[in-house]
Amino acid sequence: MTLFYIAIGGGLGAVCRFLLTEYINSNFSNLLSIGTLSVNIIGCFILGCVAGYFFSKSSPMYFFFVIGFLGSFTTMSAFSIQALELFNTNTFNGIAYVILTFSLTIVATYIGLMVFSK
């Protein structure tokens, strides 16, 4: 049953990542791959909230949200390729994107943990 929760969550997370990234990129500047940056920040915040609330790693909701949904919603693979593309076109934007992604996602995860930790 655990694999079922992970699979369903993973499928939903991937679709949500795609839709939200496309929406953000089509409505805002794509200068810093803001869609993927936003998804990673949002996903890390939600990860902190869910991990703080579902402190038991054996909970079905933990498998669904943390491993499945958020595991496919946030993506370092998209981050990596977009960072390299930015470095190739504008080194400053590439550096800014890497620094913003790492710092803001870590801060968002921390805030989520603090808000929902028991």
Protein backbone atom coordinates (compact mmCIF):
# COMPACT_ATOMS: atom_id res chain seq x y z
CA MET A 1 0.00 0.00 0.00
CA THR A 2 2.95 2.32 0.67
CA LEU A 3 3.99 2.23 -2.98
CA PHE A 4 0.44 3.14 -4.00
CA TYR A 5 0.52 6.29 -1.83
CA ILE A 6 3.92 7.25 -3.23
CA ALA A 7 2.84 6.61 -6.84
CA ILE A 8 -0.40 8.60 -6.58
CA GLY A 9 1.32 11.45 -4.77
CA GLY A 10 4.20 11.44 -7.26
CA GLY A 11 1.90 11.61 -10.26
CA LEU A 12 -0.09 14.47 -8.79
CA GLY A 13 3.05 16.32 -7.73
CA ALA A 14 4.56 16.12 -11.22
CA VAL A 15 1.39 17.41 -12.87
CA CYS A 16 1.07 20.24 -10.33
CA ARG A 17 4.74 21.20 -10.81
CA PHE A 18 4.29 21.37 -14.57
CA LEU A 19 1.06 23.40 -14.43
CA LEU A 20 2.29 25.85 -11.80
CA THR A 21 5.67 26.36 -13.50
CA GLU A 22 3.99 27.00 -16.85
CA TYR A 23 1.49 29.40 -15.29
CA ILE A 24 4.16 31.40 -13.47
CA ASN A 25 6.52 31.50 -16.45
CA SER A 26 3.76 32.66 -18.78
CA ASN A 27 2.56 35.41 -16.42
CA PHE A 28 5.84 36.67 -14.98
CA SER A 29 9.35 37.33 -16.20
CA ASN A 30 11.27 34.19 -17.05
CA LEU A 31 14.58 35.97 -16.44
CA LEU A 32 15.58 33.73 -13.52
CA SER A 33 13.45 30.67 -14.31
CA ILE A 34 11.06 32.06 -11.73
CA GLY A 35 8.56 29.21 -12.26
CA THR A 36 10.93 26.51 -11.04
CA LEU A 37 12.29 28.78 -8.31
CA SER A 38 8.75 29.45 -7.07
CA VAL A 39 7.78 25.78 -7.18
CA ASN A 40 10.88 24.81 -5.20
CA ILE A 41 10.24 27.48 -2.55
CA ILE A 42 6.55 26.57 -2.24
CA GLY A 43 7.35 22.87 -2.20
CA CYS A 44 10.01 23.23 0.47
CA PHE A 45 7.67 25.28 2.64
CA ILE A 46 4.96 22.63 2.28
CA LEU A 47 7.57 19.95 2.97
CA GLY A 48 8.47 21.64 6.24
CA CYS A 49 4.80 21.93 7.20
CA VAL A 50 3.93 18.34 6.36
CA ALA A 51 7.12 16.87 7.85
CA GLY A 52 6.51 18.89 11.01
CA TYR A 53 2.90 17.75 11.27
CA PHE A 54 3.33 14.12 10.20
CA PHE A 55 6.37 13.49 12.35
CA SER A 56 5.84 9.75 11.94
CA LYS A 57 7.59 8.52 8.81
CA SER A 58 5.30 5.50 8.79
CA SER A 59 2.13 7.55 8.24
CA PRO A 60 0.40 6.99 4.87
CA MET A 61 0.07 10.76 4.54
CA TYR A 62 3.84 11.12 4.96
CA PHE A 63 4.42 8.70 2.08
CA PHE A 64 1.80 10.43 -0.06
CA PHE A 65 2.89 14.03 0.54
CA VAL A 66 6.59 13.96 1.44
CA ILE A 67 7.90 11.07 -0.64
CA GLY A 68 5.34 11.12 -3.47
CA PHE A 69 3.80 14.53 -4.05
CA LEU A 70 6.60 16.79 -2.85
CA GLY A 71 9.29 14.46 -4.15
CA SER A 72 8.06 15.05 -7.68
CA PHE A 73 6.72 18.58 -7.15
CA THR A 74 10.10 20.04 -6.28
CA THR A 75 12.82 19.17 -8.69
CA MET A 76 16.54 19.67 -8.66
CA SER A 77 16.88 18.28 -12.17
CA ALA A 78 15.00 21.21 -13.67
CA PHE A 79 16.98 23.51 -11.41
CA SER A 80 20.29 22.09 -12.63
CA ILE A 81 19.60 22.42 -16.33
CA GLN A 82 18.13 25.90 -15.96
CA ALA A 83 21.11 27.05 -13.86
CA LEU A 84 23.50 25.82 -16.56
CA GLU A 85 21.47 27.57 -19.26
CA LEU A 86 21.57 30.80 -17.27
CA PHE A 87 25.32 30.49 -16.70
CA ASN A 88 25.79 30.08 -20.46
CA THR A 89 23.77 33.19 -21.30
CA ASN A 90 24.44 35.46 -18.31
CA THR A 91 26.82 34.43 -15.53
CA PHE A 92 25.37 36.93 -13.04
CA ASN A 93 21.84 35.59 -13.53
CA GLY A 94 23.13 32.04 -13.13
CA ILE A 95 24.84 32.89 -9.86
CA ALA A 96 21.79 34.80 -8.60
CA TYR A 97 19.50 31.89 -9.48
CA VAL A 98 21.65 29.33 -7.64
CA ILE A 99 22.01 31.52 -4.53
CA LEU A 100 18.29 32.40 -4.43
CA THR A 101 17.20 28.80 -4.93
CA PHE A 102 19.37 27.35 -2.20
CA SER A 103 18.87 30.09 0.37
CA LEU A 104 15.13 30.64 -0.08
CA THR A 105 14.19 26.95 -0.21
CA ILE A 106 16.14 26.23 2.98
CA VAL A 107 14.51 29.21 4.72
CA ALA A 108 11.06 28.13 3.49
CA THR A 109 11.59 24.58 4.80
CA TYR A 110 12.73 25.93 8.17
CA ILE A 111 9.73 28.23 8.46
CA GLY A 112 7.38 25.38 7.56
CA LEU A 113 8.96 23.17 10.22
CA MET A 114 8.68 25.90 12.85
CA VAL A 115 5.04 26.63 12.00
CA PHE A 116 3.86 23.03 12.18
CA SER A 117 6.26 21.28 14.56
CA LYS A 118 4.55 19.79 17.56
